[in-house]
PDB file of N, CA and C in Angstrom:
ATOM      1  N   MET A   1       1.100  -1.135   0.148  1.00  0.00           N
ATOM      2  CA  MET A   1       0.224   0.300  -0.070  1.00  0.00           C
ATOM      3  C   MET A   1       0.870   1.287   0.106  1.00  0.00           C
ATOM      4  N   LYS A   2       1.991   1.182   0.855  1.00  0.00           N
ATOM      5  CA  LYS A   2       2.801   2.405   0.845  1.00  0.00           C
ATOM      6  C   LYS A   2       3.489   2.822  -0.651  1.00  0.00           C
ATOM      7  N   LYS A   3       3.915   1.680  -1.165  1.00  0.00           N
ATOM      8  CA  LYS A   3       4.274   1.657  -2.572  1.00  0.00           C
ATOM      9  C   LYS A   3       3.589   2.565  -3.713  1.00  0.00           C
ATOM     10  N   ILE A   4       2.123   2.095  -3.581  1.00  0.00           N
ATOM     11  CA  ILE A   4       0.871   2.710  -4.344  1.00  0.00           C
ATOM     12  C   ILE A   4       0.678   4.178  -4.161  1.00  0.00           C
ATOM     13  N   MET A   5       0.942   4.288  -2.738  1.00  0.00           N
ATOM     14  CA  MET A   5       0.972   5.493  -2.274  1.00  0.00           C
ATOM     15  C   MET A   5       1.849   6.649  -2.893  1.00  0.00           C
ATOM     16  N   ILE A   6       3.081   6.427  -2.510  1.00  0.00           N
ATOM     17  CA  ILE A   6       4.054   6.786  -3.036  1.00  0.00           C
ATOM     18  C   ILE A   6       4.135   6.696  -4.365  1.00  0.00           C
ATOM     19  N   ALA A   7       3.739   5.901  -5.192  1.00  0.00           N
ATOM     20  CA  ALA A   7       3.496   6.106  -7.092  1.00  0.00           C
ATOM     21  C   ALA A   7       2.614   7.026  -7.498  1.00  0.00           C
ATOM     22  N   VAL A   8       1.807   7.138  -6.734  1.00  0.00           N
ATOM     23  CA  VAL A   8       0.377   8.394  -6.798  1.00  0.00           C
ATOM     24  C   VAL A   8       0.920   9.587  -6.912  1.00  0.00           C
ATOM     25  N   PHE A   9       1.797   9.700  -5.525  1.00  0.00           N
ATOM     26  CA  PHE A   9       2.424  11.031  -5.274  1.00  0.00           C
ATOM     27  C   PHE A   9       3.139  11.595  -6.370  1.00  0.00           C
ATOM     28  N   MET A  10       4.134  10.836  -6.674  1.00  0.00           N
ATOM     29  CA  MET A  10       5.260  11.019  -7.677  1.00  0.00           C
ATOM     30  C   MET A  10       4.568  11.251  -9.359  1.00  0.00           C
ATOM     31  N   MET A  11       3.584  10.309  -9.516  1.00  0.00           N
ATOM     32  CA  MET A  11       2.809  10.886 -10.625  1.00  0.00           C
ATOM     33  C   MET A  11       2.271  12.386 -10.622  1.00  0.00           C
ATOM     34  N   PHE A  12       1.205  12.539  -9.735  1.00  0.00           N
ATOM     35  CA  PHE A  12       0.844  14.150  -9.664  1.00  0.00           C
ATOM     36  C   PHE A  12       1.835  14.963  -9.611  1.00  0.00           C
ATOM     37  N   PHE A  13       2.851  14.478  -8.938  1.00  0.00           N
ATOM     38  CA  PHE A  13       4.116  15.745  -8.961  1.00  0.00           C
ATOM     39  C   PHE A  13       4.854  15.824  -9.723  1.00  0.00           C
ATOM     40  N   ILE A  14       4.827  14.945 -10.814  1.00  0.00           N
ATOM     41  CA  ILE A  14       5.469  15.077 -12.421  1.00  0.00           C
ATOM     42  C   ILE A  14       4.568  15.989 -13.004  1.00  0.00           C
ATOM     43  N   LEU A  15       3.240  15.225 -12.936  1.00  0.00           N
ATOM     44  CA  LEU A  15       2.419  16.338 -13.811  1.00  0.00           C
ATOM     45  C   LEU A  15       2.016  17.615 -13.400  1.00  0.00           C
ATOM     46  N   PHE A  16       2.167  17.941 -12.375  1.00  0.00           N
ATOM     47  CA  PHE A  16       2.133  19.358 -11.560  1.00  0.00           C
ATOM     48  C   PHE A  16       3.716  19.849 -12.058  1.00  0.00           C
ATOM     49  N   SER A  17       4.434  19.112 -12.058  1.00  0.00           N
ATOM     50  CA  SER A  17       5.842  19.835 -12.318  1.00  0.00           C
ATOM     51  C   SER A  17       5.755  20.379 -14.203  1.00  0.00           C
ATOM     52  N   ILE A  18       5.439  19.511 -15.057  1.00  0.00           N
ATOM     53  CA  ILE A  18       5.252  19.832 -16.192  1.00  0.00           C
ATOM     54  C   ILE A  18       4.610  20.862 -16.455  1.00  0.00           C
ATOM     55  N   GLN A  19       3.201  20.839 -15.903  1.00  0.00           N
ATOM     56  CA  GLN A  19       2.501  22.562 -16.275  1.00  0.00           C
ATOM     57  C   GLN A  19       3.096  23.435 -15.905  1.00  0.00           C
ATOM     58  N   GLY A  20       3.987  23.249 -14.978  1.00  0.00           N
ATOM     59  CA  GLY A  20       4.824  24.289 -14.390  1.00  0.00           C
ATOM     60  C   GLY A  20       3.949  25.862 -13.306  1.00  0.00           C
ATOM     61  N   CYS A  21       4.789  25.719 -12.294  1.00  0.00           N
ATOM     62  CA  CYS A  21       4.460  26.761 -11.039  1.00  0.00           C
ATOM     63  C   CYS A  21       5.149  28.018 -11.106  1.00  0.00           C
ATOM     64  N   ASN A  22       4.534  29.132 -11.594  1.00  0.00           N
ATOM     65  CA  ASN A  22       5.484  30.155 -11.591  1.00  0.00           C
ATOM     66  C   ASN A  22       5.574  31.123  -9.990  1.00  0.00           C
ATOM     67  N   THR A  23       4.530  30.263  -9.109  1.00  0.00           N
ATOM     68  CA  THR A  23       5.110  31.438  -7.561  1.00  0.00           C
ATOM     69  C   THR A  23       5.169  30.053  -6.797  1.00  0.00           C
ATOM     70  N   VAL A  24       5.499  30.114  -5.330  1.00  0.00           N
ATOM     71  CA  VAL A  24       5.283  29.268  -4.500  1.00  0.00           C
ATOM     72  C   VAL A  24       4.200  29.090  -4.167  1.00  0.00           C
ATOM     73  N   LYS A  25       3.673  30.050  -4.211  1.00  0.00           N
ATOM     74  CA  LYS A  25       1.978  29.935  -3.867  1.00  0.00           C
ATOM     75  C   LYS A  25       1.382  28.859  -5.061  1.00  0.00           C
ATOM     76  N   GLY A  26       1.686  28.905  -6.337  1.00  0.00           N
ATOM     77  CA  GLY A  26       0.995  28.231  -6.997  1.00  0.00           C
ATOM     78  C   GLY A  26       1.545  26.476  -6.402  1.00  0.00           C
ATOM     79  N   VAL A  27       3.025  26.301  -6.330  1.00  0.00           N
ATOM     80  CA  VAL A  27       3.558  25.264  -6.150  1.00  0.00           C
ATOM     81  C   VAL A  27       3.027  24.677  -4.878  1.00  0.00           C
ATOM     82  N   GLY A  28       2.341  25.101  -3.824  1.00  0.00           N
ATOM     83  CA  GLY A  28       1.687  25.235  -2.579  1.00  0.00           C
ATOM     84  C   GLY A  28       0.073  24.482  -2.949  1.00  0.00           C
ATOM     85  N   LYS A  29      -0.264  24.825  -3.690  1.00  0.00           N
ATOM     86  CA  LYS A  29      -1.585  24.512  -4.220  1.00  0.00           C
ATOM     87  C   LYS A  29      -1.622  23.037  -4.914  1.00  0.00           C
ATOM     88  N   ASP A  30      -0.732  23.035  -5.829  1.00  0.00           N
ATOM     89  CA  ASP A  30      -0.567  22.001  -6.669  1.00  0.00           C
ATOM     90  C   ASP A  30       0.083  20.788  -5.514  1.00  0.00           C
ATOM     91  N   ILE A  31       0.951  20.959  -4.600  1.00  0.00           N
ATOM     92  CA  ILE A  31       1.106  19.633  -3.605  1.00  0.00           C
ATOM     93  C   ILE A  31      -0.287  19.546  -2.900  1.00  0.00           C
ATOM     94  N   GLU A  32      -1.159  20.348  -2.600  1.00  0.00           N
ATOM     95  CA  GLU A  32      -2.292  20.498  -1.604  1.00  0.00           C
ATOM     96  C   GLU A  32      -3.011  19.317  -2.681  1.00  0.00           C
ATOM     97  N   LYS A  33      -3.063  19.728  -3.608  1.00  0.00           N
ATOM     98  CA  LYS A  33      -4.088  18.731  -4.657  1.00  0.00           C
ATOM     99  C   LYS A  33      -3.689  17.658  -4.855  1.00  0.00           C
ATOM    100  N   ALA A  34      -2.363  17.305  -4.791  1.00  0.00           N
ATOM    101  CA  ALA A  34      -1.746  15.996  -5.220  1.00  0.00           C
ATOM    102  C   ALA A  34      -2.242  15.109  -3.692  1.00  0.00           C
ATOM    103  N   GLY A  35      -1.908  16.049  -2.719  1.00  0.00           N
ATOM    104  CA  GLY A  35      -2.052  15.414  -1.247  1.00  0.00           C
ATOM    105  C   GLY A  35      -3.721  14.762  -0.802  1.00  0.00           C
ATOM    106  N   GLU A  36      -4.773  15.698  -1.268  1.00  0.00           N
ATOM    107  CA  GLU A  36      -5.948  15.246  -1.567  1.00  0.00           C
ATOM    108  C   GLU A  36      -6.182  14.295  -2.484  1.00  0.00           C
ATOM    109  N   ALA A  37      -5.768  14.199  -3.515  1.00  0.00           N
ATOM    110  CA  ALA A  37      -5.826  12.949  -4.460  1.00  0.00           C
ATOM    111  C   ALA A  37      -5.122  11.656  -3.754  1.00  0.00           C
ATOM    112  N   ILE A  38      -4.001  11.781  -3.276  1.00  0.00           N
ATOM    113  CA  ILE A  38      -3.806  10.849  -2.611  1.00  0.00           C
ATOM    114  C   ILE A  38      -4.698  10.180  -1.325  1.00  0.00           C
ATOM    115  N   GLN A  39      -4.999  11.438  -0.956  1.00  0.00           N
ATOM    116  CA  GLN A  39      -6.201  10.652   0.431  1.00  0.00           C
ATOM    117  C   GLN A  39      -7.471  10.143   0.182  1.00  0.00           C
ATOM    118  N   LYS A  40      -7.993  10.715  -1.140  1.00  0.00           N
ATOM    119  CA  LYS A  40      -9.436   9.906  -1.690  1.00  0.00           C
ATOM    120  C   LYS A  40      -8.744   8.410  -2.374  1.00  0.00           C
ATOM    121  N   THR A  41      -7.588   8.248  -2.710  1.00  0.00           N
ATOM    122  CA  THR A  41      -7.417   6.997  -3.140  1.00  0.00           C
ATOM    123  C   THR A  41      -7.272   5.882  -2.071  1.00  0.00           C
ATOM    124  N   THR A  42      -6.659   6.553  -0.589  1.00  0.00           N
ATOM    125  CA  THR A  42      -6.413   5.488   0.363  1.00  0.00           C
ATOM    126  C   THR A  42      -7.923   5.062   1.178  1.00  0.00           C
ATOM    127  N   ASN A  43      -8.619   6.087   0.961  1.00  0.00           N
ATOM    128  CA  ASN A  43     -10.061   5.824   1.786  1.00  0.00           C
ATOM    129  C   ASN A  43     -11.318   4.963   1.033  1.00  0.00           C
TER     130      ASN A  43
END
């Protein structure tokens, strides 16, 4: 289960990195969205 969570997190991180964030605030929002997606998949 831990490996799946890490893989999902990395996938979202890569996707959001490709889109590009110009500000620290934007990066924070992207990380928050990725965290929410991980929480939804684990519940």
